Amino acid sequence: MPKKVKSPRRSTLKKKVTTPCPFCEKLRDPDYKDYKILRVYLSDRSKILGKDRTGVCSRHQRILSREIKRARYLGLLPFIAEV
């Protein structure tokens, strides 16, 4: 059996740089009434952005998505982007 030859190009793992969550810094949870702040966490297509793109911790990402959905239900935020 032939020996397996390792590839000369090895992927180097980069250390992930974490920034503090904006909601943890302010010691305040997101609220559905602050729809102007919640709009920052929506894409141009009105989709909720992931925590890897927003820099929000897991706990606040769950709270954030719940509050965005509440604001949508009350009509403060759009469900879809305006065409």
PDB file of N, CA and C in Angstrom:
ATOM      1  N   MET A   1       0.833  -1.180   0.000  1.00  0.00           N
ATOM      2  CA  MET A   1       0.000   0.000   0.000  1.00  0.00           C
ATOM      3  C   MET A   1       0.880   1.247   0.000  1.00  0.00           C
ATOM      4  N   PRO A   2       0.512   2.210  -0.816  1.00  0.00           N
ATOM      5  CA  PRO A   2       1.304   3.451  -0.843  1.00  0.00           C
ATOM      6  C   PRO A   2       1.014   4.298   0.391  1.00  0.00           C
ATOM      7  N   LYS A   3       2.035   5.002   0.832  1.00  0.00           N
ATOM      8  CA  LYS A   3       1.882   5.885   1.987  1.00  0.00           C
ATOM      9  C   LYS A   3       1.178   7.171   1.583  1.00  0.00           C
ATOM     10  N   LYS A   4       0.400   7.682   2.491  1.00  0.00           N
ATOM     11  CA  LYS A   4      -0.266   8.959   2.224  1.00  0.00           C
ATOM     12  C   LYS A   4       0.716  10.080   2.465  1.00  0.00           C
ATOM     13  N   VAL A   5       0.797  10.979   1.533  1.00  0.00           N
ATOM     14  CA  VAL A   5       1.702  12.115   1.632  1.00  0.00           C
ATOM     15  C   VAL A   5       0.899  13.320   2.102  1.00  0.00           C
ATOM     16  N   LYS A   6       1.384  13.951   3.144  1.00  0.00           N
ATOM     17  CA  LYS A   6       0.703  15.139   3.660  1.00  0.00           C
ATOM     18  C   LYS A   6       0.945  16.309   2.726  1.00  0.00           C
ATOM     19  N   SER A   7      -0.043  17.105   2.606  1.00  0.00           N
ATOM     20  CA  SER A   7       0.042  18.286   1.766  1.00  0.00           C
ATOM     21  C   SER A   7       0.988  19.306   2.400  1.00  0.00           C
ATOM     22  N   PRO A   8       1.827  19.974   1.595  1.00  0.00           N
ATOM     23  CA  PRO A   8       2.745  20.964   2.160  1.00  0.00           C
ATOM     24  C   PRO A   8       2.008  22.197   2.683  1.00  0.00           C
ATOM     25  N   ARG A   9       0.817  22.438   2.193  1.00  0.00           N
ATOM     26  CA  ARG A   9       0.043  23.600   2.641  1.00  0.00           C
ATOM     27  C   ARG A   9      -0.839  23.192   3.806  1.00  0.00           C
ATOM     28  N   ARG A  10      -0.482  23.617   4.939  1.00  0.00           N
ATOM     29  CA  ARG A  10      -1.304  23.343   6.117  1.00  0.00           C
ATOM     30  C   ARG A  10      -2.062  24.613   6.479  1.00  0.00           C
ATOM     31  N   SER A  11      -3.283  24.425   6.794  1.00  0.00           N
ATOM     32  CA  SER A  11      -4.062  25.597   7.179  1.00  0.00           C
ATOM     33  C   SER A  11      -3.656  26.008   8.594  1.00  0.00           C
ATOM     34  N   THR A  12      -3.421  27.273   8.757  1.00  0.00           N
ATOM     35  CA  THR A  12      -3.080  27.781  10.080  1.00  0.00           C
ATOM     36  C   THR A  12      -4.346  28.329  10.718  1.00  0.00           C
ATOM     37  N   LEU A  13      -4.579  27.944  11.930  1.00  0.00           N
ATOM     38  CA  LEU A  13      -5.761  28.408  12.639  1.00  0.00           C
ATOM     39  C   LEU A  13      -5.504  29.792  13.209  1.00  0.00           C
ATOM     40  N   LYS A  14      -6.415  30.688  12.912  1.00  0.00           N
ATOM     41  CA  LYS A  14      -6.293  32.043  13.433  1.00  0.00           C
ATOM     42  C   LYS A  14      -7.104  32.146  14.712  1.00  0.00           C
ATOM     43  N   LYS A  15      -6.576  32.837  15.658  1.00  0.00           N
ATOM     44  CA  LYS A  15      -7.267  33.036  16.919  1.00  0.00           C
ATOM     45  C   LYS A  15      -8.400  34.037  16.704  1.00  0.00           C
ATOM     46  N   LYS A  16      -9.563  33.675  17.166  1.00  0.00           N
ATOM     47  CA  LYS A  16     -10.716  34.545  16.990  1.00  0.00           C
ATOM     48  C   LYS A  16     -10.659  35.686  17.999  1.00  0.00           C
ATOM     49  N   VAL A  17     -10.732  36.880  17.498  1.00  0.00           N
ATOM     50  CA  VAL A  17     -10.709  38.056  18.357  1.00  0.00           C
ATOM     51  C   VAL A  17     -12.144  38.385  18.736  1.00  0.00           C
ATOM     52  N   THR A  18     -12.415  38.391  20.010  1.00  0.00           N
ATOM     53  CA  THR A  18     -13.774  38.667  20.457  1.00  0.00           C
ATOM     54  C   THR A  18     -13.859  40.079  21.025  1.00  0.00           C
ATOM     55  N   THR A  19     -14.896  40.754  20.630  1.00  0.00           N
ATOM     56  CA  THR A  19     -15.164  42.080  21.164  1.00  0.00           C
ATOM     57  C   THR A  19     -16.321  41.964  22.143  1.00  0.00           C
ATOM     58  N   PRO A  20     -16.371  42.792  23.127  1.00  0.00           N
ATOM     59  CA  PRO A  20     -17.476  42.689  24.092  1.00  0.00           C
ATOM     60  C   PRO A  20     -18.816  43.014  23.443  1.00  0.00           C
ATOM     61  N   CYS A  21     -19.820  42.349  23.915  1.00  0.00           N
ATOM     62  CA  CYS A  21     -21.176  42.544  23.406  1.00  0.00           C
ATOM     63  C   CYS A  21     -21.638  43.971  23.728  1.00  0.00           C
ATOM     64  N   PRO A  22     -22.235  44.688  22.778  1.00  0.00           N
ATOM     65  CA  PRO A  22     -22.685  46.054  23.051  1.00  0.00           C
ATOM     66  C   PRO A  22     -23.757  46.124  24.142  1.00  0.00           C
ATOM     67  N   PHE A  23     -24.559  45.072  24.284  1.00  0.00           N
ATOM     68  CA  PHE A  23     -25.596  45.079  25.313  1.00  0.00           C
ATOM     69  C   PHE A  23     -25.016  44.727  26.673  1.00  0.00           C
ATOM     70  N   CYS A  24     -23.958  43.910  26.708  1.00  0.00           N
ATOM     71  CA  CYS A  24     -23.307  43.593  27.984  1.00  0.00           C
ATOM     72  C   CYS A  24     -22.576  44.815  28.527  1.00  0.00           C
ATOM     73  N   GLU A  25     -22.007  45.625  27.627  1.00  0.00           N
ATOM     74  CA  GLU A  25     -21.304  46.833  28.055  1.00  0.00           C
ATOM     75  C   GLU A  25     -22.254  47.838  28.692  1.00  0.00           C
ATOM     76  N   LYS A  26     -23.442  47.978  28.127  1.00  0.00           N
ATOM     77  CA  LYS A  26     -24.401  48.972  28.621  1.00  0.00           C
ATOM     78  C   LYS A  26     -25.231  48.453  29.783  1.00  0.00           C
ATOM     79  N   LEU A  27     -25.107  47.142  30.073  1.00  0.00           N
ATOM     80  CA  LEU A  27     -25.889  46.507  31.144  1.00  0.00           C
ATOM     81  C   LEU A  27     -27.380  46.729  30.941  1.00  0.00           C
ATOM     82  N   ARG A  28     -27.804  46.592  29.678  1.00  0.00           N
ATOM     83  CA  ARG A  28     -29.195  46.837  29.333  1.00  0.00           C
ATOM     84  C   ARG A  28     -29.601  45.869  28.227  1.00  0.00           C
ATOM     85  N   ASP A  29     -30.731  45.220  28.362  1.00  0.00           N
ATOM     86  CA  ASP A  29     -31.206  44.290  27.345  1.00  0.00           C
ATOM     87  C   ASP A  29     -31.926  45.060  26.236  1.00  0.00           C
ATOM     88  N   PRO A  30     -31.924  44.511  25.011  1.00  0.00           N
ATOM     89  CA  PRO A  30     -32.675  45.163  23.933  1.00  0.00           C
ATOM     90  C   PRO A  30     -34.174  45.112  24.213  1.00  0.00           C
ATOM     91  N   ASP A  31     -34.885  46.122  23.757  1.00  0.00           N
ATOM     92  CA  ASP A  31     -36.315  46.229  23.997  1.00  0.00           C
ATOM     93  C   ASP A  31     -37.020  46.500  22.674  1.00  0.00           C
ATOM     94  N   TYR A  32     -38.220  45.960  22.496  1.00  0.00           N
ATOM     95  CA  TYR A  32     -38.938  46.117  21.233  1.00  0.00           C
ATOM     96  C   TYR A  32     -39.317  47.565  20.967  1.00  0.00           C
ATOM     97  N   LYS A  33     -39.382  48.399  22.002  1.00  0.00           N
ATOM     98  CA  LYS A  33     -39.756  49.799  21.815  1.00  0.00           C
ATOM     99  C   LYS A  33     -38.629  50.631  21.203  1.00  0.00           C
ATOM    100  N   ASP A  34     -37.388  50.136  21.326  1.00  0.00           N
ATOM    101  CA  ASP A  34     -36.241  50.828  20.714  1.00  0.00           C
ATOM    102  C   ASP A  34     -36.032  50.317  19.295  1.00  0.00           C
ATOM    103  N   TYR A  35     -37.017  50.529  18.428  1.00  0.00           N
ATOM    104  CA  TYR A  35     -36.954  49.967  17.082  1.00  0.00           C
ATOM    105  C   TYR A  35     -35.843  50.584  16.240  1.00  0.00           C
ATOM    106  N   LYS A  36     -35.398  51.795  16.585  1.00  0.00           N
ATOM    107  CA  LYS A  36     -34.293  52.401  15.842  1.00  0.00           C
ATOM    108  C   LYS A  36     -32.992  51.661  16.111  1.00  0.00           C
ATOM    109  N   ILE A  37     -32.806  51.176  17.328  1.00  0.00           N
ATOM    110  CA  ILE A  37     -31.617  50.384  17.660  1.00  0.00           C
ATOM    111  C   ILE A  37     -31.733  48.996  17.036  1.00  0.00           C
ATOM    112  N   LEU A  38     -32.930  48.413  17.058  1.00  0.00           N
ATOM    113  CA  LEU A  38     -33.127  47.074  16.503  1.00  0.00           C
ATOM    114  C   LEU A  38     -32.921  47.050  14.999  1.00  0.00           C
ATOM    115  N   ARG A  39     -33.166  48.162  14.328  1.00  0.00           N
ATOM    116  CA  ARG A  39     -33.011  48.228  12.873  1.00  0.00           C
ATOM    117  C   ARG A  39     -31.554  48.009  12.447  1.00  0.00           C
ATOM    118  N   VAL A  40     -30.623  48.321  13.342  1.00  0.00           N
ATOM    119  CA  VAL A  40     -29.197  48.123  13.057  1.00  0.00           C
ATOM    120  C   VAL A  40     -28.884  46.635  12.883  1.00  0.00           C
ATOM    121  N   TYR A  41     -29.627  45.782  13.560  1.00  0.00           N
ATOM    122  CA  TYR A  41     -29.373  44.346  13.557  1.00  0.00           C
ATOM    123  C   TYR A  41     -30.174  43.612  12.489  1.00  0.00           C
ATOM    124  N   LEU A  42     -30.728  44.345  11.523  1.00  0.00           N
ATOM    125  CA  LEU A  42     -31.424  43.765  10.382  1.00  0.00           C
ATOM    126  C   LEU A  42     -30.618  44.019   9.114  1.00  0.00           C
ATOM    127  N   SER A  43     -30.685  43.084   8.173  1.00  0.00           N
ATOM    128  CA  SER A  43     -29.998  43.273   6.900  1.00  0.00           C
ATOM    129  C   SER A  43     -30.833  44.201   6.019  1.00  0.00           C
ATOM    130  N   ASP A  44     -30.320  44.493   4.835  1.00  0.00           N
ATOM    131  CA  ASP A  44     -31.066  45.357   3.913  1.00  0.00           C
ATOM    132  C   ASP A  44     -32.333  44.668   3.408  1.00  0.00           C
ATOM    133  N   ARG A  45     -32.395  43.345   3.559  1.00  0.00           N
ATOM    134  CA  ARG A  45     -33.594  42.584   3.186  1.00  0.00           C
ATOM    135  C   ARG A  45     -34.501  42.324   4.384  1.00  0.00           C
ATOM    136  N   SER A  46     -34.226  42.990   5.501  1.00  0.00           N
ATOM    137  CA  SER A  46     -34.990  42.883   6.755  1.00  0.00           C
ATOM    138  C   SER A  46     -34.874  41.514   7.399  1.00  0.00           C
ATOM    139  N   LYS A  47     -33.750  40.839   7.186  1.00  0.00           N
ATOM    140  CA  LYS A  47     -33.497  39.576   7.875  1.00  0.00           C
ATOM    141  C   LYS A  47     -32.670  39.861   9.124  1.00  0.00           C
ATOM    142  N   ILE A  48     -32.855  39.056  10.149  1.00  0.00           N
ATOM    143  CA  ILE A  48     -32.099  39.214  11.383  1.00  0.00           C
ATOM    144  C   ILE A  48     -30.675  38.723  11.146  1.00  0.00           C
ATOM    145  N   LEU A  49     -29.693  39.573  11.434  1.00  0.00           N
ATOM    146  CA  LEU A  49     -28.299  39.203  11.235  1.00  0.00           C
ATOM    147  C   LEU A  49     -27.831  38.281  12.350  1.00  0.00           C
ATOM    148  N   GLY A  50     -26.899  37.411  12.027  1.00  0.00           N
ATOM    149  CA  GLY A  50     -26.364  36.464  12.998  1.00  0.00           C
ATOM    150  C   GLY A  50     -25.394  37.117  13.960  1.00  0.00           C
ATOM    151  N   LYS A  51     -25.098  36.397  15.025  1.00  0.00           N
ATOM    152  CA  LYS A  51     -24.231  36.963  16.054  1.00  0.00           C
ATOM    153  C   LYS A  51     -22.792  37.087  15.584  1.00  0.00           C
ATOM    154  N   ASP A  52     -22.394  36.314  14.572  1.00  0.00           N
ATOM    155  CA  ASP A  52     -21.041  36.443  14.049  1.00  0.00           C
ATOM    156  C   ASP A  52     -20.857  37.749  13.276  1.00  0.00           C
ATOM    157  N   ARG A  53     -21.936  38.300  12.750  1.00  0.00           N
ATOM    158  CA  ARG A  53     -21.851  39.560  12.005  1.00  0.00           C
ATOM    159  C   ARG A  53     -22.130  40.777  12.877  1.00  0.00           C
ATOM    160  N   THR A  54     -22.863  40.589  13.974  1.00  0.00           N
ATOM    161  CA  THR A  54     -23.237  41.732  14.803  1.00  0.00           C
ATOM    162  C   THR A  54     -22.347  41.899  16.030  1.00  0.00           C
ATOM    163  N   GLY A  55     -21.702  40.818  16.462  1.00  0.00           N
ATOM    164  CA  GLY A  55     -20.844  40.898  17.638  1.00  0.00           C
ATOM    165  C   GLY A  55     -21.595  40.832  18.949  1.00  0.00           C
ATOM    166  N   VAL A  56     -22.799  40.283  18.915  1.00  0.00           N
ATOM    167  CA  VAL A  56     -23.627  40.163  20.107  1.00  0.00           C
ATOM    168  C   VAL A  56     -23.409  38.782  20.704  1.00  0.00           C
ATOM    169  N   CYS A  57     -23.406  38.671  22.033  1.00  0.00           N
ATOM    170  CA  CYS A  57     -23.221  37.371  22.684  1.00  0.00           C
ATOM    171  C   CYS A  57     -24.471  36.509  22.481  1.00  0.00           C
ATOM    172  N   SER A  58     -24.343  35.221  22.780  1.00  0.00           N
ATOM    173  CA  SER A  58     -25.436  34.268  22.543  1.00  0.00           C
ATOM    174  C   SER A  58     -26.701  34.640  23.303  1.00  0.00           C
ATOM    175  N   ARG A  59     -26.524  35.014  24.553  1.00  0.00           N
ATOM    176  CA  ARG A  59     -27.677  35.357  25.390  1.00  0.00           C
ATOM    177  C   ARG A  59     -28.436  36.550  24.818  1.00  0.00           C
ATOM    178  N   HIS A  60     -27.709  37.591  24.459  1.00  0.00           N
ATOM    179  CA  HIS A  60     -28.366  38.784  23.937  1.00  0.00           C
ATOM    180  C   HIS A  60     -28.857  38.589  22.505  1.00  0.00           C
ATOM    181  N   GLN A  61     -28.255  37.676  21.747  1.00  0.00           N
ATOM    182  CA  GLN A  61     -28.738  37.390  20.398  1.00  0.00           C
ATOM    183  C   GLN A  61     -30.131  36.768  20.468  1.00  0.00           C
ATOM    184  N   ARG A  62     -30.348  35.878  21.427  1.00  0.00           N
ATOM    185  CA  ARG A  62     -31.676  35.277  21.591  1.00  0.00           C
ATOM    186  C   ARG A  62     -32.703  36.334  22.011  1.00  0.00           C
ATOM    187  N   ILE A  63     -32.318  37.205  22.920  1.00  0.00           N
ATOM    188  CA  ILE A  63     -33.213  38.281  23.357  1.00  0.00           C
ATOM    189  C   ILE A  63     -33.488  39.236  22.194  1.00  0.00           C
ATOM    190  N   LEU A  64     -32.439  39.547  21.446  1.00  0.00           N
ATOM    191  CA  LEU A  64     -32.544  40.476  20.322  1.00  0.00           C
ATOM    192  C   LEU A  64     -33.510  39.956  19.260  1.00  0.00           C
ATOM    193  N   SER A  65     -33.399  38.681  18.902  1.00  0.00           N
ATOM    194  CA  SER A  65     -34.285  38.129  17.877  1.00  0.00           C
ATOM    195  C   SER A  65     -35.733  38.112  18.359  1.00  0.00           C
ATOM    196  N   ARG A  66     -35.936  37.817  19.649  1.00  0.00           N
ATOM    197  CA  ARG A  66     -37.292  37.822  20.196  1.00  0.00           C
ATOM    198  C   ARG A  66     -37.893  39.224  20.150  1.00  0.00           C
ATOM    199  N   GLU A  67     -37.109  40.231  20.498  1.00  0.00           N
ATOM    200  CA  GLU A  67     -37.598  41.613  20.508  1.00  0.00           C
ATOM    201  C   GLU A  67     -37.840  42.136  19.088  1.00  0.00           C
ATOM    202  N   ILE A  68     -37.020  41.715  18.127  1.00  0.00           N
ATOM    203  CA  ILE A  68     -37.246  42.104  16.728  1.00  0.00           C
ATOM    204  C   ILE A  68     -38.565  41.516  16.246  1.00  0.00           C
ATOM    205  N   LYS A  69     -38.818  40.262  16.602  1.00  0.00           N
ATOM    206  CA  LYS A  69     -40.072  39.621  16.195  1.00  0.00           C
ATOM    207  C   LYS A  69     -41.274  40.299  16.846  1.00  0.00           C
ATOM    208  N   ARG A  70     -41.133  40.740  18.085  1.00  0.00           N
ATOM    209  CA  ARG A  70     -42.218  41.478  18.743  1.00  0.00           C
ATOM    210  C   ARG A  70     -42.470  42.808  18.051  1.00  0.00           C
ATOM    211  N   ALA A  71     -41.387  43.507  17.711  1.00  0.00           N
ATOM    212  CA  ALA A  71     -41.529  44.801  17.040  1.00  0.00           C
ATOM    213  C   ALA A  71     -42.157  44.630  15.656  1.00  0.00           C
ATOM    214  N   ARG A  72     -41.838  43.533  14.979  1.00  0.00           N
ATOM    215  CA  ARG A  72     -42.460  43.259  13.679  1.00  0.00           C
ATOM    216  C   ARG A  72     -43.950  43.030  13.844  1.00  0.00           C
ATOM    217  N   TYR A  73     -44.315  42.249  14.856  1.00  0.00           N
ATOM    218  CA  TYR A  73     -45.722  41.938  15.082  1.00  0.00           C
ATOM    219  C   TYR A  73     -46.522  43.205  15.377  1.00  0.00           C
ATOM    220  N   LEU A  74     -45.927  44.148  16.100  1.00  0.00           N
ATOM    221  CA  LEU A  74     -46.611  45.393  16.437  1.00  0.00           C
ATOM    222  C   LEU A  74     -46.553  46.427  15.312  1.00  0.00           C
ATOM    223  N   GLY A  75     -45.807  46.128  14.261  1.00  0.00           N
ATOM    224  CA  GLY A  75     -45.741  47.030  13.118  1.00  0.00           C
ATOM    225  C   GLY A  75     -44.663  48.093  13.222  1.00  0.00           C
ATOM    226  N   LEU A  76     -43.727  47.946  14.168  1.00  0.00           N
ATOM    227  CA  LEU A  76     -42.665  48.923  14.312  1.00  0.00           C
ATOM    228  C   LEU A  76     -41.511  48.653  13.341  1.00  0.00           C
ATOM    229  N   LEU A  77     -41.348  47.385  12.964  1.00  0.00           N
ATOM    230  CA  LEU A  77     -40.315  46.984  12.007  1.00  0.00           C
ATOM    231  C   LEU A  77     -40.958  46.202  10.874  1.00  0.00           C
ATOM    232  N   PRO A  78     -40.388  46.270   9.661  1.00  0.00           N
ATOM    233  CA  PRO A  78     -40.970  45.545   8.546  1.00  0.00           C
ATOM    234  C   PRO A  78     -40.634  44.053   8.568  1.00  0.00           C
ATOM    235  N   PHE A  79     -41.544  43.232   8.038  1.00  0.00           N
ATOM    236  CA  PHE A  79     -41.255  41.810   7.868  1.00  0.00           C
ATOM    237  C   PHE A  79     -40.361  41.589   6.655  1.00  0.00           C
ATOM    238  N   ILE A  80     -40.600  42.368   5.593  1.00  0.00           N
ATOM    239  CA  ILE A  80     -39.797  42.271   4.379  1.00  0.00           C
ATOM    240  C   ILE A  80     -39.312  43.660   3.986  1.00  0.00           C
ATOM    241  N   ALA A  81     -38.282  43.684   3.140  1.00  0.00           N
ATOM    242  CA  ALA A  81     -37.727  44.967   2.693  1.00  0.00           C
ATOM    243  C   ALA A  81     -38.719  45.673   1.766  1.00  0.00           C
ATOM    244  N   GLU A  82     -38.693  46.986   1.813  1.00  0.00           N
ATOM    245  CA  GLU A  82     -39.561  47.759   0.925  1.00  0.00           C
ATOM    246  C   GLU A  82     -38.970  47.732  -0.469  1.00  0.00           C
ATOM    247  N   VAL A  83     -39.810  47.477  -1.431  1.00  0.00           N
ATOM    248  CA  VAL A  83     -39.332  47.325  -2.810  1.00  0.00           C
ATOM    249  C   VAL A  83     -39.310  48.638  -3.529  1.00  0.00           C
TER     250      VAL A  83
END
